[in-house]
Amino acid sequence: RNIDFLHEGLNEVEKEFIRIGKVFSTFDQLSEVSLFNEKKIGETELSKDFIEVWNLCDLGKKLTFGNFDPWFNGKYDPLGVVKGWAADRAVKILQKFGAESIQVNAAGDISLFGGYYSQETVSPWKIGIRDPKDSQLVLKVFEKMEGAIATSGTYEKGAHIWDPKTGLIAIGALSATVIGPNGGICEALATGLVVAGREGATWFNQPALAEYGAWVIDRHDRTAWSVGKL
């Protein structure tokens, strides 16, 4: 019965991801985000999830001093926080169905709970960060029982991160990994650090980021630096 119950939880997560895609996809012309960008729906018609992610994006923008911005060329694109936010939501769903050891990977944005269970022992999840120049080489391994971890960079999708202040391709960092309690905020911070580079280290002096930390590979000399709680 427990196994069947967990399978029900996984089915529920799948349904939730499909539903989230219908709200936030920028490729689906009938998604809520697309309809909003085309001014076919107004602010009074927005769903609870849309507003929740909107507020999360706004917080991410404030915490990164504008280096993360969901607006580009006059269009709202919340995908910079949605994956982490959705992974967190999946963890909560699976908890309700009795899962005690959870790892949800939403296209590289990971949410964790309960540690890794093996042979009646529980140990921290081990999350490896690859070399941006060599997919076979792991440069750093983080061990975490729970929380979220997000990595942003240009090595998987190419130059897809833009500096919102200049409109040019981001050149601050080659790769940025952020760890903290909220997956959406981790994702926004990681994206912002790719834009800002070392200047972003000062963000972690903010009280709101006391539980967050970052590990960043510099774009120019390929050294790594860290800040905050890792």
C-alpha atoms as a PDB file:
ATOM      1  CA  ARG A   1       0.000   0.000   0.000  1.00  0.00           C
ATOM      2  CA  ASN A   2       2.845   2.440   0.786  1.00  0.00           C
ATOM      3  CA  ILE A   3       4.403   1.850  -2.653  1.00  0.00           C
ATOM      4  CA  ASP A   4       1.056   2.393  -4.338  1.00  0.00           C
ATOM      5  CA  PHE A   5       0.559   5.544  -2.278  1.00  0.00           C
ATOM      6  CA  LEU A   6       3.934   6.904  -3.403  1.00  0.00           C
ATOM      7  CA  HIS A   7       3.084   6.135  -7.023  1.00  0.00           C
ATOM      8  CA  GLU A   8      -0.059   8.203  -6.536  1.00  0.00           C
ATOM      9  CA  GLY A   9       2.191  11.005  -5.323  1.00  0.00           C
ATOM     10  CA  LEU A  10       4.386  10.763  -8.411  1.00  0.00           C
ATOM     11  CA  ASN A  11       1.303  10.866 -10.624  1.00  0.00           C
ATOM     12  CA  GLU A  12       0.154  13.946  -8.740  1.00  0.00           C
ATOM     13  CA  VAL A  13       3.518  15.624  -9.347  1.00  0.00           C
ATOM     14  CA  GLU A  14       3.310  14.846 -13.060  1.00  0.00           C
ATOM     15  CA  LYS A  15      -0.161  16.380 -13.252  1.00  0.00           C
ATOM     16  CA  GLU A  16       1.052  19.430 -11.341  1.00  0.00           C
ATOM     17  CA  PHE A  17       3.993  19.964 -13.708  1.00  0.00           C
ATOM     18  CA  ILE A  18       1.665  19.759 -16.705  1.00  0.00           C
ATOM     19  CA  ARG A  19      -0.655  22.288 -15.094  1.00  0.00           C
ATOM     20  CA  ILE A  20       2.250  24.607 -14.248  1.00  0.00           C
ATOM     21  CA  GLY A  21       3.412  24.431 -17.858  1.00  0.00           C
ATOM     22  CA  LYS A  22      -0.007  25.575 -19.035  1.00  0.00           C
ATOM     23  CA  VAL A  23       0.269  28.602 -16.754  1.00  0.00           C
ATOM     24  CA  PHE A  24       3.881  29.659 -17.309  1.00  0.00           C
ATOM     25  CA  SER A  25       5.026  28.381 -20.709  1.00  0.00           C
ATOM     26  CA  THR A  26       6.256  31.178 -22.961  1.00  0.00           C
ATOM     27  CA  PHE A  27       5.954  28.852 -25.970  1.00  0.00           C
ATOM     28  CA  ASP A  28       2.275  28.010 -25.519  1.00  0.00           C
ATOM     29  CA  GLN A  29       0.216  30.843 -27.002  1.00  0.00           C
ATOM     30  CA  LEU A  30      -2.686  29.897 -24.742  1.00  0.00           C
ATOM     31  CA  SER A  31      -0.719  29.872 -21.473  1.00  0.00           C
ATOM     32  CA  GLU A  32      -1.555  32.444 -18.857  1.00  0.00           C
ATOM     33  CA  VAL A  33       1.836  34.132 -19.318  1.00  0.00           C
ATOM     34  CA  SER A  34       1.363  34.386 -23.095  1.00  0.00           C
ATOM     35  CA  LEU A  35      -2.153  35.754 -22.730  1.00  0.00           C
ATOM     36  CA  PHE A  36      -0.881  38.285 -20.193  1.00  0.00           C
ATOM     37  CA  ASN A  37       1.938  39.400 -22.486  1.00  0.00           C
ATOM     38  CA  GLU A  38      -0.514  39.802 -25.357  1.00  0.00           C
ATOM     39  CA  LYS A  39      -2.772  41.853 -23.045  1.00  0.00           C
ATOM     40  CA  LYS A  40      -5.608  39.379 -23.509  1.00  0.00           C
ATOM     41  CA  ILE A  41      -6.068  39.054 -19.753  1.00  0.00           C
ATOM     42  CA  GLY A  42      -5.682  41.698 -17.078  1.00  0.00           C
ATOM     43  CA  GLU A  43      -4.322  41.771 -13.543  1.00  0.00           C
ATOM     44  CA  THR A  44      -7.724  40.974 -12.021  1.00  0.00           C
ATOM     45  CA  GLU A  45      -7.866  37.717 -14.001  1.00  0.00           C
ATOM     46  CA  LEU A  46      -4.500  36.323 -12.898  1.00  0.00           C
ATOM     47  CA  SER A  47      -4.351  33.019 -11.051  1.00  0.00           C
ATOM     48  CA  LYS A  48      -3.023  32.549  -7.527  1.00  0.00           C
ATOM     49  CA  ASP A  49       0.069  30.732  -8.877  1.00  0.00           C
ATOM     50  CA  PHE A  50       0.767  33.513 -11.373  1.00  0.00           C
ATOM     51  CA  ILE A  51       0.683  36.108  -8.591  1.00  0.00           C
ATOM     52  CA  GLU A  52       2.836  33.963  -6.286  1.00  0.00           C
ATOM     53  CA  VAL A  53       5.543  33.590  -8.941  1.00  0.00           C
ATOM     54  CA  TRP A  54       5.218  37.273  -9.887  1.00  0.00           C
ATOM     55  CA  ASN A  55       5.985  38.209  -6.266  1.00  0.00           C
ATOM     56  CA  LEU A  56       8.881  35.741  -6.178  1.00  0.00           C
ATOM     57  CA  CYS A  57      10.340  37.290  -9.341  1.00  0.00           C
ATOM     58  CA  ASP A  58       9.946  40.739  -7.818  1.00  0.00           C
ATOM     59  CA  LEU A  59      11.794  39.616  -4.689  1.00  0.00           C
ATOM     60  CA  GLY A  60      14.562  38.046  -6.800  1.00  0.00           C
ATOM     61  CA  LYS A  61      14.970  41.302  -8.700  1.00  0.00           C
ATOM     62  CA  LYS A  62      15.246  43.289  -5.465  1.00  0.00           C
ATOM     63  CA  LEU A  63      17.722  40.893  -3.840  1.00  0.00           C
ATOM     64  CA  THR A  64      19.984  41.006  -6.925  1.00  0.00           C
ATOM     65  CA  PHE A  65      19.651  44.779  -7.347  1.00  0.00           C
ATOM     66  CA  GLY A  66      18.150  44.335 -10.789  1.00  0.00           C
ATOM     67  CA  ASN A  67      20.679  41.832 -12.127  1.00  0.00           C
ATOM     68  CA  PHE A  68      17.853  39.309 -12.327  1.00  0.00           C
ATOM     69  CA  ASP A  69      14.811  40.689 -14.129  1.00  0.00           C
ATOM     70  CA  PRO A  70      11.863  38.679 -15.504  1.00  0.00           C
ATOM     71  CA  TRP A  71      11.111  41.403 -18.058  1.00  0.00           C
ATOM     72  CA  PHE A  72      12.880  41.350 -21.430  1.00  0.00           C
ATOM     73  CA  ASN A  73      11.968  43.385 -24.502  1.00  0.00           C
ATOM     74  CA  GLY A  74       8.679  44.343 -22.897  1.00  0.00           C
ATOM     75  CA  LYS A  75       7.656  40.730 -22.226  1.00  0.00           C
ATOM     76  CA  TYR A  76       7.281  39.006 -18.867  1.00  0.00           C
ATOM     77  CA  ASP A  77       9.201  35.721 -18.643  1.00  0.00           C
ATOM     78  CA  PRO A  78       9.176  34.080 -15.192  1.00  0.00           C
ATOM     79  CA  LEU A  79      11.047  30.934 -16.230  1.00  0.00           C
ATOM     80  CA  GLY A  80      14.047  32.219 -14.263  1.00  0.00           C
ATOM     81  CA  VAL A  81      12.306  31.185 -11.046  1.00  0.00           C
ATOM     82  CA  VAL A  82       9.544  28.793 -12.117  1.00  0.00           C
ATOM     83  CA  LYS A  83      11.667  25.626 -12.294  1.00  0.00           C
ATOM     84  CA  GLY A  84      12.988  26.033  -8.758  1.00  0.00           C
ATOM     85  CA  TRP A  85       9.555  27.036  -7.481  1.00  0.00           C
ATOM     86  CA  ALA A  86       7.982  23.986  -9.169  1.00  0.00           C
ATOM     87  CA  ALA A  87      10.625  21.637  -7.750  1.00  0.00           C
ATOM     88  CA  ASP A  88       9.873  22.922  -4.245  1.00  0.00           C
ATOM     89  CA  ARG A  89       6.178  22.347  -4.841  1.00  0.00           C
ATOM     90  CA  ALA A  90       6.840  18.782  -6.013  1.00  0.00           C
ATOM     91  CA  VAL A  91       8.723  18.049  -2.779  1.00  0.00           C
ATOM     92  CA  LYS A  92       5.746  19.221  -0.726  1.00  0.00           C
ATOM     93  CA  ILE A  93       3.378  17.035  -2.741  1.00  0.00           C
ATOM     94  CA  LEU A  94       5.549  13.952  -2.274  1.00  0.00           C
ATOM     95  CA  GLN A  95       5.820  14.631   1.451  1.00  0.00           C
ATOM     96  CA  LYS A  96       2.024  14.527   1.678  1.00  0.00           C
ATOM     97  CA  PHE A  97       2.133  11.077   0.105  1.00  0.00           C
ATOM     98  CA  GLY A  98       4.588   9.764   2.688  1.00  0.00           C
ATOM     99  CA  ALA A  99       7.936  10.155   0.887  1.00  0.00           C
ATOM    100  CA  GLU A 100      10.782  10.601   3.360  1.00  0.00           C
ATOM    101  CA  SER A 101      13.768  10.822   0.987  1.00  0.00           C
ATOM    102  CA  ILE A 102      13.178  13.139  -1.954  1.00  0.00           C
ATOM    103  CA  GLN A 103      15.206  14.640  -4.778  1.00  0.00           C
ATOM    104  CA  VAL A 104      13.390  16.578  -7.521  1.00  0.00           C
ATOM    105  CA  ASN A 105      15.460  17.745 -10.483  1.00  0.00           C
ATOM    106  CA  ALA A 106      13.640  20.314 -12.620  1.00  0.00           C
ATOM    107  CA  ALA A 107      16.023  20.783 -15.556  1.00  0.00           C
ATOM    108  CA  GLY A 108      19.000  21.308 -13.254  1.00  0.00           C
ATOM    109  CA  ASP A 109      17.218  23.129 -10.445  1.00  0.00           C
ATOM    110  CA  ILE A 110      17.093  20.677  -7.576  1.00  0.00           C
ATOM    111  CA  SER A 111      14.991  20.501  -4.410  1.00  0.00           C
ATOM    112  CA  LEU A 112      15.893  18.049  -1.672  1.00  0.00           C
ATOM    113  CA  PHE A 113      14.341  16.574   1.447  1.00  0.00           C
ATOM    114  CA  GLY A 114      15.231  13.941   4.009  1.00  0.00           C
ATOM    115  CA  GLY A 115      18.668  12.932   2.806  1.00  0.00           C
ATOM    116  CA  TYR A 116      19.627   9.873   0.767  1.00  0.00           C
ATOM    117  CA  TYR A 117      18.280   6.595   2.158  1.00  0.00           C
ATOM    118  CA  SER A 118      20.336   3.469   1.478  1.00  0.00           C
ATOM    119  CA  GLN A 119      20.646   0.192   3.381  1.00  0.00           C
ATOM    120  CA  GLU A 120      18.761   1.561   6.389  1.00  0.00           C
ATOM    121  CA  THR A 121      21.052   4.567   6.723  1.00  0.00           C
ATOM    122  CA  VAL A 122      20.414   8.193   5.824  1.00  0.00           C
ATOM    123  CA  SER A 123      23.203  10.392   4.493  1.00  0.00           C
ATOM    124  CA  PRO A 124      23.275  13.784   2.764  1.00  0.00           C
ATOM    125  CA  TRP A 125      22.426  14.053  -0.892  1.00  0.00           C
ATOM    126  CA  LYS A 126      25.574  14.551  -2.977  1.00  0.00           C
ATOM    127  CA  ILE A 127      25.111  17.066  -5.779  1.00  0.00           C
ATOM    128  CA  GLY A 128      27.992  17.485  -8.216  1.00  0.00           C
ATOM    129  CA  ILE A 129      28.759  20.655 -10.172  1.00  0.00           C
ATOM    130  CA  ARG A 130      30.318  19.967 -13.546  1.00  0.00           C
ATOM    131  CA  ASP A 131      33.128  21.810 -15.255  1.00  0.00           C
ATOM    132  CA  PRO A 132      31.516  24.264 -17.706  1.00  0.00           C
ATOM    133  CA  LYS A 133      34.163  23.268 -20.255  1.00  0.00           C
ATOM    134  CA  ASP A 134      34.068  19.510 -19.677  1.00  0.00           C
ATOM    135  CA  SER A 135      30.804  17.693 -18.962  1.00  0.00           C
ATOM    136  CA  GLN A 136      32.703  14.640 -17.691  1.00  0.00           C
ATOM    137  CA  LEU A 137      34.551  16.523 -14.966  1.00  0.00           C
ATOM    138  CA  VAL A 138      32.964  17.307 -11.583  1.00  0.00           C
ATOM    139  CA  LEU A 139      34.572  20.310  -9.912  1.00  0.00           C
ATOM    140  CA  LYS A 140      32.581  20.534  -6.706  1.00  0.00           C
ATOM    141  CA  VAL A 141      30.294  18.289  -4.673  1.00  0.00           C
ATOM    142  CA  PHE A 142      27.780  19.671  -2.210  1.00  0.00           C
ATOM    143  CA  GLU A 143      26.336  17.481   0.535  1.00  0.00           C
ATOM    144  CA  LYS A 144      22.887  18.560   1.703  1.00  0.00           C
ATOM    145  CA  MET A 145      20.071  16.879   3.589  1.00  0.00           C
ATOM    146  CA  GLU A 146      17.408  19.288   2.329  1.00  0.00           C
ATOM    147  CA  GLY A 147      16.846  22.633   0.659  1.00  0.00           C
ATOM    148  CA  ALA A 148      17.381  23.764  -2.905  1.00  0.00           C
ATOM    149  CA  ILE A 149      20.337  24.113  -5.243  1.00  0.00           C
ATOM    150  CA  ALA A 150      20.321  25.913  -8.595  1.00  0.00           C
ATOM    151  CA  THR A 151      23.081  26.356 -11.163  1.00  0.00           C
ATOM    152  CA  SER A 152      23.048  28.883 -13.964  1.00  0.00           C
ATOM    153  CA  GLY A 153      25.485  29.340 -16.835  1.00  0.00           C
ATOM    154  CA  THR A 154      25.804  29.515 -20.585  1.00  0.00           C
ATOM    155  CA  TYR A 155      27.487  26.162 -21.222  1.00  0.00           C
ATOM    156  CA  GLU A 156      24.286  24.091 -21.607  1.00  0.00           C
ATOM    157  CA  LYS A 157      22.053  26.387 -23.662  1.00  0.00           C
ATOM    158  CA  GLY A 158      24.629  28.800 -25.021  1.00  0.00           C
ATOM    159  CA  ALA A 159      24.440  32.548 -24.515  1.00  0.00           C
ATOM    160  CA  HIS A 160      20.833  32.799 -23.304  1.00  0.00           C
ATOM    161  CA  ILE A 161      21.288  35.003 -20.216  1.00  0.00           C
ATOM    162  CA  TRP A 162      21.063  38.742 -20.813  1.00  0.00           C
ATOM    163  CA  ASP A 163      22.216  41.640 -18.693  1.00  0.00           C
ATOM    164  CA  PRO A 164      18.935  43.484 -18.010  1.00  0.00           C
ATOM    165  CA  LYS A 165      20.784  46.770 -17.471  1.00  0.00           C
ATOM    166  CA  THR A 166      22.628  46.790 -20.792  1.00  0.00           C
ATOM    167  CA  GLY A 167      20.564  44.463 -22.980  1.00  0.00           C
ATOM    168  CA  LEU A 168      23.774  42.576 -23.856  1.00  0.00           C
ATOM    169  CA  ILE A 169      24.857  38.982 -23.206  1.00  0.00           C
ATOM    170  CA  ALA A 170      25.800  38.394 -19.559  1.00  0.00           C
ATOM    171  CA  ILE A 171      29.556  38.216 -19.005  1.00  0.00           C
ATOM    172  CA  GLY A 172      29.863  38.305 -15.204  1.00  0.00           C
ATOM    173  CA  ALA A 173      30.452  34.627 -14.412  1.00  0.00           C
ATOM    174  CA  LEU A 174      30.862  31.397 -16.326  1.00  0.00           C
ATOM    175  CA  SER A 175      28.753  29.429 -13.857  1.00  0.00           C
ATOM    176  CA  ALA A 176      26.966  30.193 -10.598  1.00  0.00           C
ATOM    177  CA  THR A 177      25.521  27.730  -8.093  1.00  0.00           C
ATOM    178  CA  VAL A 178      23.313  28.892  -5.238  1.00  0.00           C
ATOM    179  CA  ILE A 179      22.122  26.878  -2.245  1.00  0.00           C
ATOM    180  CA  GLY A 180      19.298  27.903   0.065  1.00  0.00           C
ATOM    181  CA  PRO A 181      15.825  27.123   1.381  1.00  0.00           C
ATOM    182  CA  ASN A 182      13.775  28.444  -1.574  1.00  0.00           C
ATOM    183  CA  GLY A 183      14.310  26.999  -5.046  1.00  0.00           C
ATOM    184  CA  GLY A 184      12.900  29.979  -6.912  1.00  0.00           C
ATOM    185  CA  ILE A 185      15.129  32.441  -5.082  1.00  0.00           C
ATOM    186  CA  CYS A 186      18.165  30.170  -5.608  1.00  0.00           C
ATOM    187  CA  GLU A 187      17.431  30.190  -9.336  1.00  0.00           C
ATOM    188  CA  ALA A 188      17.040  33.984  -9.479  1.00  0.00           C
ATOM    189  CA  LEU A 189      20.270  34.520  -7.527  1.00  0.00           C
ATOM    190  CA  ALA A 190      22.210  32.111  -9.747  1.00  0.00           C
ATOM    191  CA  THR A 191      21.014  33.899 -12.884  1.00  0.00           C
ATOM    192  CA  GLY A 192      21.831  37.279 -11.347  1.00  0.00           C
ATOM    193  CA  LEU A 193      25.337  36.139 -10.436  1.00  0.00           C
ATOM    194  CA  VAL A 194      26.039  35.114 -14.036  1.00  0.00           C
ATOM    195  CA  VAL A 195      25.237  38.722 -14.906  1.00  0.00           C
ATOM    196  CA  ALA A 196      27.007  40.478 -12.024  1.00  0.00           C
ATOM    197  CA  GLY A 197      29.973  38.191 -11.334  1.00  0.00           C
ATOM    198  CA  ARG A 198      32.024  39.010  -8.231  1.00  0.00           C
ATOM    199  CA  GLU A 199      30.036  42.167  -7.552  1.00  0.00           C
ATOM    200  CA  GLY A 200      27.154  39.900  -6.565  1.00  0.00           C
ATOM    201  CA  ALA A 201      29.008  38.640  -3.490  1.00  0.00           C
ATOM    202  CA  THR A 202      27.773  41.677  -1.544  1.00  0.00           C
ATOM    203  CA  TRP A 203      24.146  40.586  -1.987  1.00  0.00           C
ATOM    204  CA  PHE A 204      24.651  37.886   0.601  1.00  0.00           C
ATOM    205  CA  ASN A 205      25.160  40.488   3.310  1.00  0.00           C
ATOM    206  CA  GLN A 206      21.409  41.115   3.190  1.00  0.00           C
ATOM    207  CA  PRO A 207      19.520  39.612   6.158  1.00  0.00           C
ATOM    208  CA  ALA A 208      17.037  37.999   3.755  1.00  0.00           C
ATOM    209  CA  LEU A 209      19.892  35.908   2.319  1.00  0.00           C
ATOM    210  CA  ALA A 210      21.365  34.740   5.632  1.00  0.00           C
ATOM    211  CA  GLU A 211      20.493  31.111   4.781  1.00  0.00           C
ATOM    212  CA  TYR A 212      21.850  31.255   1.211  1.00  0.00           C
ATOM    213  CA  GLY A 213      25.301  30.718  -0.238  1.00  0.00           C
ATOM    214  CA  ALA A 214      26.930  30.715  -3.663  1.00  0.00           C
ATOM    215  CA  TRP A 215      29.822  28.999  -5.422  1.00  0.00           C
ATOM    216  CA  VAL A 216      30.807  30.799  -8.623  1.00  0.00           C
ATOM    217  CA  ILE A 217      33.255  30.106 -11.450  1.00  0.00           C
ATOM    218  CA  ASP A 218      34.712  33.337 -12.763  1.00  0.00           C
ATOM    219  CA  ARG A 219      34.416  33.860 -16.499  1.00  0.00           C
ATOM    220  CA  HIS A 220      37.752  35.578 -17.007  1.00  0.00           C
ATOM    221  CA  ASP A 221      40.355  33.557 -15.114  1.00  0.00           C
ATOM    222  CA  ARG A 222      38.257  30.418 -14.351  1.00  0.00           C
ATOM    223  CA  THR A 223      38.975  30.595 -10.630  1.00  0.00           C
ATOM    224  CA  ALA A 224      36.151  29.817  -8.211  1.00  0.00           C
ATOM    225  CA  TRP A 225      34.932  31.854  -5.270  1.00  0.00           C
ATOM    226  CA  SER A 226      32.248  31.330  -2.665  1.00  0.00           C
ATOM    227  CA  VAL A 227      30.145  33.417  -0.335  1.00  0.00           C
ATOM    228  CA  GLY A 228      27.481  32.892   2.315  1.00  0.00           C
ATOM    229  CA  LYS A 229      26.183  29.678   3.849  1.00  0.00           C
ATOM    230  CA  LEU A 230      27.158  26.573   1.888  1.00  0.00           C
END
